[in-house]
């Protein structure tokens, strides 16, 4: 599946960029420094800052848009991907920043707080992803021209806040039943090539407000029908989407981007799966309004692999208390690591004596684990280790860990494990749909006033 431009907007923080990049090269650190430093690059004139939008009376500035665009363009360049037109990038970035601002304001209203310890933990995860301690990571960033780490920590704090908000408002309310799994499997088995079908659809949504009377609904349906008629007559669908759509994809010409059919609403798939490229479907009615769709691209992809890489690891867990601070726990585990690496002590013995986890009795042995079994901050560090290698102390939501990878193997999934894979696919689809609807509602209730157009 090809990458989608709108999805990249979610990968604009330094933390995520570094996580994607893996080991940070010197050039990568120089690029990072350019993106996070306040001064403009030599020879490039600064643009005076000004307000481009008000979001519930909170200003959004031109500099915020400019820095985000720079980050995004840098990612395209580093990944060797074709660059979308800058005007499209700017429109998407502005829309995303407004959405983030609305979400952050809502997070404040509902009482979501991110502590300094939470940010420390995230910063350590980024450093560990690059094989460095936090101190080494900061030194390397400073050596490459980043004077302070305030921007990094601010980005991490915002990303943690947004993730907790998503968990609170959306993910925690999504349920996947055994019947949902059975339906998905039945659809794959009985739907011909649907399981391996990927589609890129153009989308125009004519939204129907809640409580609209019959006359208003009829008026909006007629508007959607006119859009469909004009699209069938050969008009530019992207231009129609920008003019008429109430969907977030309108600034990208209405395109969802190439994605598995399983991650599109069933209403859309059923209406377009048998259509040829370029065909128009709709108007279709849903709870959100009337939809007009264009089949931009369809292709068959391979079925998901049923063989996964499993890891067998050990860990020592220390849980911070009033008597043992997080810093003290990290220092204690750092001492253990030195003893293990130098051969003065065995990992298993230290785990049995000191670990505050149920695995202590077996020398910290966590058994064979498939991807997704552990929390992300633990799994990221574990996956970066070679067999026999011991991690630096790692902070997770459960405490402070020391990890050693014992071995890895390729394993064919059992029928039960395959159902868990399907469960995750169905859940991801439901979460994405629920989040999009929630975000549309949150944005609709916000006061957004666009001022001057961004200047870069």
Protein backbone atom coordinates (compact mmCIF):
# COMPACT_ATOMS: atom_id res chain seq x y z
CA UNK A 1 0.00 0.00 0.00
CA UNK A 2 1.33 3.42 -0.89
CA UNK A 3 1.68 6.10 1.76
CA UNK A 4 -0.91 8.84 1.90
CA UNK A 5 -0.14 12.53 2.23
CA UNK A 6 -2.87 13.23 4.85
CA UNK A 7 -1.56 10.41 7.04
CA UNK A 8 1.89 11.99 7.11
CA UNK A 9 0.43 15.00 8.85
CA UNK A 10 0.26 12.82 11.95
CA UNK A 11 4.03 12.21 11.77
CA UNK A 12 5.28 15.74 12.13
CA UNK A 13 6.61 15.74 15.68
CA UNK A 14 10.30 15.23 16.25
CA UNK A 15 9.61 12.16 18.37
CA UNK A 16 7.71 10.34 15.65
CA UNK A 17 10.13 11.40 12.95
CA UNK A 18 13.01 9.94 14.95
CA UNK A 19 11.07 6.77 15.70
CA UNK A 20 10.40 6.27 12.00
CA UNK A 21 14.00 6.97 11.09
CA UNK A 22 15.45 4.47 13.60
CA UNK A 23 19.12 5.12 14.15
CA UNK A 24 19.74 8.85 13.72
CA UNK A 25 22.61 9.70 11.41
CA UNK A 26 24.71 12.82 11.77
CA UNK A 27 22.96 14.25 8.73
CA UNK A 28 19.61 13.35 10.28
CA UNK A 29 20.54 15.22 13.42
CA UNK A 30 21.57 18.22 11.36
CA UNK A 31 18.15 18.15 9.67
CA UNK A 32 16.48 17.83 13.04
CA UNK A 33 18.41 20.80 14.32
CA UNK A 34 17.25 22.89 11.39
CA UNK A 35 13.65 21.97 12.04
CA UNK A 36 13.66 22.65 15.75
CA UNK A 37 15.84 25.70 15.95
CA UNK A 38 14.10 29.05 16.09
CA UNK A 39 16.42 30.94 13.69
CA UNK A 40 15.75 30.64 9.98
CA UNK A 41 18.37 29.03 7.75
CA UNK A 42 21.17 31.25 6.54
CA UNK A 43 20.29 33.23 3.46
CA UNK A 44 16.54 32.76 3.91
CA UNK A 45 14.61 35.83 4.96
CA UNK A 46 12.29 35.44 7.92
CA UNK A 47 8.62 36.01 7.49
CA UNK A 48 7.20 38.34 10.12
CA UNK A 49 4.85 36.42 12.36
CA UNK A 50 1.13 37.11 12.35
CA UNK A 51 -2.17 35.42 13.21
CA UNK A 52 -3.56 33.15 10.51
CA UNK A 53 -6.55 31.83 12.47
CA UNK A 54 -8.40 32.10 15.76
CA UNK A 55 -9.51 28.84 17.35
CA UNK A 56 -12.00 29.55 20.11
CA UNK A 57 -10.25 32.94 20.51
CA UNK A 58 -6.80 31.29 20.75
CA UNK A 59 -4.42 32.49 18.02
CA UNK A 60 -2.72 30.22 15.53
CA UNK A 61 0.33 31.93 14.02
CA UNK A 62 2.06 31.90 10.68
CA UNK A 63 5.27 30.63 12.27
CA UNK A 64 3.48 27.56 13.59
CA UNK A 65 2.29 26.74 10.08
CA UNK A 66 5.72 27.46 8.59
CA UNK A 67 7.60 25.20 11.01
CA UNK A 68 5.13 22.33 10.54
CA UNK A 69 5.37 22.64 6.75
CA UNK A 70 9.17 22.55 6.99
CA UNK A 71 9.03 19.39 9.07
CA UNK A 72 6.66 17.71 6.66
CA UNK A 73 8.68 18.65 3.60
CA UNK A 74 11.81 17.38 5.35
CA UNK A 75 10.16 14.01 5.90
CA UNK A 76 9.17 13.74 2.24
CA UNK A 77 12.74 14.58 1.26
CA UNK A 78 14.36 12.09 3.66
CA UNK A 79 12.03 9.31 2.54
CA UNK A 80 12.59 10.06 -1.15
CA UNK A 81 8.89 10.56 -1.77
CA UNK A 82 7.36 12.85 -4.40
CA UNK A 83 6.48 16.22 -2.89
CA UNK A 84 2.83 17.34 -3.16
CA UNK A 85 2.23 20.93 -4.27
CA UNK A 86 3.18 23.32 -1.48
CA UNK A 87 -0.27 24.94 -1.56
CA UNK A 88 -1.79 21.56 -0.76
CA UNK A 89 0.68 20.99 2.07
CA UNK A 90 -0.08 24.41 3.56
CA UNK A 91 -3.85 23.84 3.43
CA UNK A 92 -3.54 20.41 5.02
CA UNK A 93 -1.15 21.66 7.70
CA UNK A 94 -3.39 24.58 8.62
CA UNK A 95 -6.39 22.27 8.90
CA UNK A 96 -4.43 19.78 11.02
CA UNK A 97 -3.11 22.49 13.34
CA UNK A 98 -6.63 23.81 13.86
CA UNK A 99 -7.83 20.29 14.68
CA UNK A 100 -4.95 19.81 17.11
CA UNK A 101 -5.67 23.14 18.78
CA UNK A 102 -9.35 22.20 19.17
CA UNK A 103 -8.36 18.84 20.66
CA UNK A 104 -5.85 20.39 23.08
CA UNK A 105 -8.46 22.86 24.29
CA UNK A 106 -10.93 20.01 24.82
CA UNK A 107 -8.26 18.03 26.68
CA UNK A 108 -7.86 20.95 29.07
CA UNK A 109 -11.62 21.14 29.56
CA UNK A 110 -11.92 17.46 30.47
CA UNK A 111 -8.92 17.59 32.81
CA UNK A 112 -6.26 15.64 30.93
CA UNK A 113 -2.84 16.43 32.37
CA UNK A 114 0.62 15.26 31.33
CA UNK A 115 3.28 15.30 34.03
CA UNK A 116 6.98 15.97 33.60
CA UNK A 117 7.58 12.29 34.40
CA UNK A 118 5.37 11.34 31.45
CA UNK A 119 7.41 13.59 29.16
CA UNK A 120 10.67 12.21 30.61
CA UNK A 121 9.45 8.70 29.81
CA UNK A 122 8.59 9.64 26.23
CA UNK A 123 11.92 11.39 25.74
CA UNK A 124 13.73 8.33 27.02
CA UNK A 125 11.77 6.14 24.57
CA UNK A 126 12.88 8.36 21.67
CA UNK A 127 16.48 8.24 22.84
CA UNK A 128 16.36 4.46 23.31
CA UNK A 129 14.90 4.07 19.82
CA UNK A 130 18.15 5.63 18.61
CA UNK A 131 20.35 3.52 20.87
CA UNK A 132 21.24 6.42 23.18
CA UNK A 133 20.67 7.44 26.76
CA UNK A 134 18.74 10.68 27.26
CA UNK A 135 21.94 12.50 28.20
CA UNK A 136 23.75 11.23 25.08
CA UNK A 137 20.77 12.08 22.92
CA UNK A 138 20.62 15.64 24.23
CA UNK A 139 24.39 16.07 23.81
CA UNK A 140 24.21 14.95 20.20
CA UNK A 141 21.30 17.27 19.47
CA UNK A 142 23.16 20.16 21.10
CA UNK A 143 26.32 19.30 19.19
CA UNK A 144 24.33 19.49 15.95
CA UNK A 145 23.08 23.00 16.70
CA UNK A 146 19.91 22.58 18.79
CA UNK A 147 20.46 24.98 21.69
CA UNK A 148 17.70 23.62 23.94
CA UNK A 149 15.23 20.75 24.07
CA UNK A 150 12.15 22.78 24.97
CA UNK A 151 10.56 22.31 21.56
CA UNK A 152 11.15 18.56 21.67
CA UNK A 153 9.55 18.27 25.09
CA UNK A 154 6.62 20.49 24.08
CA UNK A 155 5.98 18.27 21.05
CA UNK A 156 6.13 15.15 23.21
CA UNK A 157 3.76 16.65 25.78
CA UNK A 158 1.23 17.50 23.07
CA UNK A 159 1.43 14.07 21.45
CA UNK A 160 0.89 12.34 24.80
CA UNK A 161 -2.07 14.61 25.50
CA UNK A 162 -3.67 13.95 22.11
CA UNK A 163 -3.18 10.20 22.49
CA UNK A 164 -4.78 10.19 25.94
CA UNK A 165 -7.65 12.27 24.64
CA UNK A 166 -8.19 9.80 21.79
CA UNK A 167 -8.09 6.90 24.26
CA UNK A 168 -10.56 8.63 26.58
CA UNK A 169 -13.05 9.90 24.02
CA UNK A 170 -12.84 7.23 21.32
CA UNK A 171 -10.74 4.12 21.82
CA UNK A 172 -12.16 3.21 25.21
CA UNK A 173 -15.68 3.18 23.77
CA UNK A 174 -14.96 0.93 20.79
CA UNK A 175 -15.82 -2.74 21.32
CA UNK A 176 -15.08 -5.66 19.00
CA UNK A 177 -17.24 -8.73 19.52
CA UNK A 178 -16.67 -12.30 18.39
CA UNK A 179 -19.54 -11.74 15.96
CA UNK A 180 -17.63 -8.78 14.45
CA UNK A 181 -14.63 -11.06 13.90
CA UNK A 182 -16.82 -13.79 12.37
CA UNK A 183 -18.44 -11.25 10.05
CA UNK A 184 -15.05 -9.95 8.91
CA UNK A 185 -13.72 -13.46 8.24
CA UNK A 186 -16.92 -14.42 6.44
CA UNK A 187 -16.66 -11.27 4.33
CA UNK A 188 -13.08 -12.11 3.38
CA UNK A 189 -13.86 -15.71 2.53
CA UNK A 190 -17.08 -15.03 0.65
CA UNK A 191 -16.18 -11.72 -0.93
CA UNK A 192 -13.86 -12.98 -3.65
CA UNK A 193 -10.85 -10.68 -3.67
CA UNK A 194 -12.18 -8.19 -1.14
CA UNK A 195 -9.64 -9.26 1.50
CA UNK A 196 -6.76 -8.23 -0.76
CA UNK A 197 -8.45 -5.23 -2.39
CA UNK A 198 -6.97 -1.76 -1.94
CA UNK A 199 -8.85 1.33 -3.07
CA UNK A 200 -8.32 5.06 -3.41
CA UNK A 201 -11.67 6.82 -3.44
CA UNK A 202 -12.53 10.44 -4.04
CA UNK A 203 -15.17 11.64 -1.58
CA UNK A 204 -17.61 14.52 -1.38
CA UNK A 205 -19.75 14.75 1.76
CA UNK A 206 -22.78 16.99 1.84
CA UNK A 207 -23.41 16.98 5.58
CA UNK A 208 -26.93 16.88 6.97
CA UNK A 209 -27.23 18.72 10.30
CA UNK A 210 -28.75 16.82 13.20
CA UNK A 211 -32.48 17.52 13.45
CA UNK A 212 -32.80 18.86 9.89
CA UNK A 213 -36.39 18.89 8.64
CA UNK A 214 -37.53 17.10 5.50
CA UNK A 215 -37.27 20.22 3.34
CA UNK A 216 -33.65 20.82 4.39
CA UNK A 217 -32.75 17.16 3.80
CA UNK A 218 -34.28 17.29 0.33
CA UNK A 219 -32.33 20.47 -0.47
CA UNK A 220 -29.04 18.87 0.60
CA UNK A 221 -29.81 15.69 -1.32
CA UNK A 222 -30.41 17.77 -4.44
CA UNK A 223 -27.04 19.49 -3.91
CA UNK A 224 -25.31 16.10 -3.66
CA UNK A 225 -27.09 14.95 -6.79
CA UNK A 226 -25.84 18.00 -8.69
CA UNK A 227 -22.28 17.20 -7.58
CA UNK A 228 -22.69 13.59 -8.78
CA UNK A 229 -24.13 14.73 -12.12
CA UNK A 230 -21.29 17.18 -12.71
CA UNK A 231 -18.71 14.53 -11.78
CA UNK A 232 -20.29 12.05 -14.20
CA UNK A 233 -20.23 14.75 -16.88
CA UNK A 234 -16.45 14.86 -16.54
CA UNK A 235 -15.80 17.82 -14.25
CA UNK A 236 -12.67 17.77 -12.08
CA UNK A 237 -13.66 15.77 -8.98
CA UNK A 238 -10.94 17.38 -6.86
CA UNK A 239 -12.32 20.83 -7.66
CA UNK A 240 -15.86 19.68 -6.82
CA UNK A 241 -14.62 18.28 -3.50
CA UNK A 242 -12.93 21.55 -2.56
CA UNK A 243 -16.06 23.53 -3.44
CA UNK A 244 -18.84 21.36 -2.04
CA UNK A 245 -17.50 18.79 0.43
CA UNK A 246 -17.92 19.06 4.19
CA UNK A 247 -15.36 16.28 4.73
CA UNK A 248 -11.81 16.85 6.06
CA UNK A 249 -10.42 15.33 2.84
CA UNK A 250 -11.75 18.23 0.77
CA UNK A 251 -8.42 20.09 0.83
CA UNK A 252 -6.74 17.02 -0.65
CA UNK A 253 -9.17 16.88 -3.54
CA UNK A 254 -11.45 14.58 -1.57
CA UNK A 255 -8.99 11.67 -1.76
CA UNK A 256 -8.75 9.12 1.04
CA UNK A 257 -5.53 7.72 -0.40
CA UNK A 258 -4.86 4.08 -1.23
CA UNK A 259 -5.93 1.87 1.68
CA UNK A 260 -7.30 -1.66 2.27
CA UNK A 261 -10.99 -1.99 1.53
CA UNK A 262 -11.37 -3.34 5.07
CA UNK A 263 -10.53 0.15 6.38
CA UNK A 264 -13.22 1.89 4.36
CA UNK A 265 -16.88 2.11 5.44
CA UNK A 266 -18.89 -0.85 4.20
CA UNK A 267 -21.29 1.60 2.55
CA UNK A 268 -18.47 2.93 0.36
CA UNK A 269 -16.99 -0.49 -0.47
CA UNK A 270 -20.33 -2.04 -1.41
CA UNK A 271 -21.11 0.88 -3.74
CA UNK A 272 -17.73 0.93 -5.53
CA UNK A 273 -16.10 -2.52 -5.39
CA UNK A 274 -17.50 -3.58 -8.79
CA UNK A 275 -16.97 -0.20 -10.48
CA UNK A 276 -14.14 0.62 -12.89
CA UNK A 277 -11.54 3.29 -12.23
CA UNK A 278 -13.02 6.72 -12.88
CA UNK A 279 -16.61 5.66 -12.15
CA UNK A 280 -18.90 7.70 -9.88
CA UNK A 281 -21.19 6.32 -7.17
CA UNK A 282 -23.91 8.12 -5.25
CA UNK A 283 -25.35 10.06 -3.73
CA UNK A 284 -25.32 7.56 -0.86
CA UNK A 285 -27.05 8.32 2.44
CA UNK A 286 -25.46 7.73 5.83
CA UNK A 287 -25.92 9.20 9.28
CA UNK A 288 -23.47 11.96 8.38
CA UNK A 289 -25.22 13.06 5.19
CA UNK A 290 -25.00 12.35 1.46
CA UNK A 291 -21.83 10.95 -0.12
CA UNK A 292 -20.59 11.08 -3.71
CA UNK A 293 -17.67 8.77 -4.50
CA UNK A 294 -15.21 8.42 -7.36
CA UNK A 295 -13.07 5.32 -7.91
CA UNK A 296 -9.60 6.79 -8.43
CA UNK A 297 -7.59 3.57 -8.13
CA UNK A 298 -8.15 -0.08 -7.28
CA UNK A 299 -5.59 -2.84 -6.97
CA UNK A 300 -5.13 -6.23 -5.37
CA UNK A 301 -2.65 -6.56 -2.52
CA UNK A 302 -1.23 -9.66 -0.93
CA UNK A 303 -2.92 -11.24 2.07
CA UNK A 304 -1.40 -10.43 5.48
CA UNK A 305 1.48 -12.67 6.55
CA UNK A 306 0.50 -15.38 8.99
CA UNK A 307 4.12 -15.81 10.13
CA UNK A 308 5.38 -13.37 12.75
CA UNK A 309 8.66 -12.70 14.53
CA UNK A 310 8.42 -13.62 18.20
CA UNK A 311 10.85 -12.47 20.89
CA UNK A 312 11.81 -14.15 24.14
CA UNK A 313 13.12 -11.61 26.66
CA UNK A 314 13.81 -11.15 30.35
CA UNK A 315 13.31 -8.02 32.39
CA UNK A 316 13.84 -6.57 35.82
CA UNK A 317 11.08 -4.22 36.97
CA UNK A 318 11.41 -1.63 39.74
CA UNK A 319 8.28 0.29 40.69
CA UNK A 320 8.91 3.84 41.97
CA UNK A 321 7.52 4.56 45.44
CA UNK A 322 7.80 7.27 48.07
CA UNK A 323 10.97 5.51 49.22
CA UNK A 324 12.38 4.87 45.71
CA UNK A 325 12.10 7.69 43.18
CA UNK A 326 12.09 7.06 39.44
CA UNK A 327 15.58 8.55 39.16
CA UNK A 328 16.84 6.27 41.93
CA UNK A 329 15.27 3.25 40.22
CA UNK A 330 16.99 4.18 36.96
CA UNK A 331 20.32 4.61 38.74
CA UNK A 332 19.92 1.26 40.48
CA UNK A 333 19.14 -0.55 37.22
CA UNK A 334 22.06 1.20 35.51
CA UNK A 335 24.30 -0.32 38.20
CA UNK A 336 22.74 -3.75 37.58
CA UNK A 337 23.39 -3.35 33.86
CA UNK A 338 27.04 -2.56 34.45
CA UNK A 339 27.38 -5.64 36.66
CA UNK A 340 25.71 -7.84 34.04
CA UNK A 341 27.72 -6.53 31.08
CA UNK A 342 31.01 -6.82 32.99
CA UNK A 343 30.21 -10.39 34.06
CA UNK A 344 30.03 -9.59 37.78
CA UNK A 345 26.41 -10.74 38.05
CA UNK A 346 23.85 -12.82 36.14
CA UNK A 347 20.68 -11.18 34.83
CA UNK A 348 18.55 -14.09 36.10
CA UNK A 349 19.92 -13.84 39.64
CA UNK A 350 19.36 -10.06 39.85
CA UNK A 351 15.83 -10.49 38.50
CA UNK A 352 14.97 -13.14 41.10
CA UNK A 353 16.34 -10.97 43.91
CA UNK A 354 15.14 -7.51 42.91
CA UNK A 355 12.39 -7.57 40.24
CA UNK A 356 8.93 -6.48 41.40
CA UNK A 357 7.12 -8.51 38.76
CA UNK A 358 5.51 -11.93 38.59
CA UNK A 359 8.31 -13.08 36.31
CA UNK A 360 10.90 -12.67 39.09
CA UNK A 361 10.56 -16.34 40.11
CA UNK A 362 11.71 -17.43 36.64
CA UNK A 363 14.60 -14.97 36.48
CA UNK A 364 12.55 -12.33 34.71
CA UNK A 365 11.64 -14.64 31.79
CA UNK A 366 8.69 -13.18 29.86
CA UNK A 367 8.29 -16.14 27.53
CA UNK A 368 7.70 -15.91 23.80
CA UNK A 369 5.90 -12.72 22.82
CA UNK A 370 4.31 -11.74 19.51
CA UNK A 371 4.25 -8.14 18.21
CA UNK A 372 1.80 -5.97 20.11
CA UNK A 373 1.86 -8.04 23.28
CA UNK A 374 3.74 -5.45 25.35
CA UNK A 375 3.11 -1.72 25.77
CA UNK A 376 4.69 0.32 22.92
CA UNK A 377 7.40 2.01 24.97
CA UNK A 378 8.65 -1.41 26.19
CA UNK A 379 8.31 -3.14 22.81
CA UNK A 380 10.15 -0.41 20.90
CA UNK A 381 13.23 -0.79 23.06
CA UNK A 382 13.01 -4.61 23.09
CA UNK A 383 12.74 -4.74 19.28
CA UNK A 384 15.89 -2.62 18.91
CA UNK A 385 17.98 -5.09 20.95
CA UNK A 386 19.99 -7.94 19.48
CA UNK A 387 19.89 -11.36 21.20
CA UNK A 388 22.09 -11.20 24.27
CA UNK A 389 22.03 -7.39 24.42
CA UNK A 390 20.95 -5.54 27.58
CA UNK A 391 19.01 -2.28 27.33
CA UNK A 392 19.55 0.95 29.17
CA UNK A 393 17.00 1.49 32.00
CA UNK A 394 13.60 2.10 30.39
CA UNK A 395 10.65 3.93 31.91
CA UNK A 396 7.18 2.59 31.07
CA UNK A 397 3.74 3.16 32.52
CA UNK A 398 4.43 0.24 34.89
CA UNK A 399 7.78 1.36 36.27
CA UNK A 400 11.45 1.18 35.28
CA UNK A 401 12.76 -1.85 33.37
CA UNK A 402 16.01 -3.46 32.38
CA UNK A 403 15.56 -5.75 29.35
CA UNK A 404 17.65 -8.51 27.83
CA UNK A 405 16.60 -10.26 24.62
CA UNK A 406 17.30 -13.99 24.77
CA UNK A 407 16.35 -15.11 21.25
CA UNK A 408 14.00 -14.59 18.33
CA UNK A 409 12.12 -16.96 16.05
CA UNK A 410 9.65 -17.03 13.17
CA UNK A 411 6.37 -18.61 14.19
CA UNK A 412 3.21 -19.49 12.28
CA UNK A 413 0.11 -18.08 13.93
CA UNK A 414 -2.42 -20.47 15.40
CA UNK A 415 -6.10 -20.13 14.54
CA UNK A 416 -6.64 -18.33 17.85
CA UNK A 417 -3.79 -15.92 17.12
CA UNK A 418 -5.15 -15.31 13.63
CA UNK A 419 -8.46 -14.28 15.17
CA UNK A 420 -6.57 -11.80 17.33
CA UNK A 421 -5.01 -10.34 14.19
CA UNK A 422 -8.49 -9.95 12.71
CA UNK A 423 -9.70 -8.43 15.98
CA UNK A 424 -6.99 -5.77 15.74
CA UNK A 425 -7.87 -5.04 12.10
CA UNK A 426 -11.56 -4.65 12.93
CA UNK A 427 -10.81 -2.56 15.99
CA UNK A 428 -8.48 -0.25 14.05
CA UNK A 429 -11.16 0.28 11.43
CA UNK A 430 -13.81 1.02 14.07
CA UNK A 431 -11.50 3.37 15.97
CA UNK A 432 -10.62 5.30 12.81
CA UNK A 433 -14.28 5.69 11.87
CA UNK A 434 -15.28 6.69 15.41
CA UNK A 435 -12.41 9.18 15.69
CA UNK A 436 -13.28 10.84 12.37
CA UNK A 437 -16.90 11.30 13.44
CA UNK A 438 -15.88 12.56 16.88
CA UNK A 439 -13.39 15.00 15.37
CA UNK A 440 -15.97 16.32 12.90
CA UNK A 441 -18.37 16.96 15.77
CA UNK A 442 -15.70 18.61 17.94
CA UNK A 443 -14.59 20.84 15.06
CA UNK A 444 -18.19 21.76 14.24
CA UNK A 445 -18.72 22.98 17.81
CA UNK A 446 -15.55 25.11 17.77
CA UNK A 447 -15.35 28.74 16.70
CA UNK A 448 -12.74 29.02 13.97
CA UNK A 449 -12.02 32.33 12.27
CA UNK A 450 -9.55 32.31 9.40
CA UNK A 451 -7.51 35.52 9.17
CA UNK A 452 -4.62 36.09 6.77
CA UNK A 453 -3.41 33.28 4.51
CA UNK A 454 -0.14 31.66 5.67
CA UNK A 455 3.04 33.01 4.06
CA UNK A 456 6.12 30.84 3.89
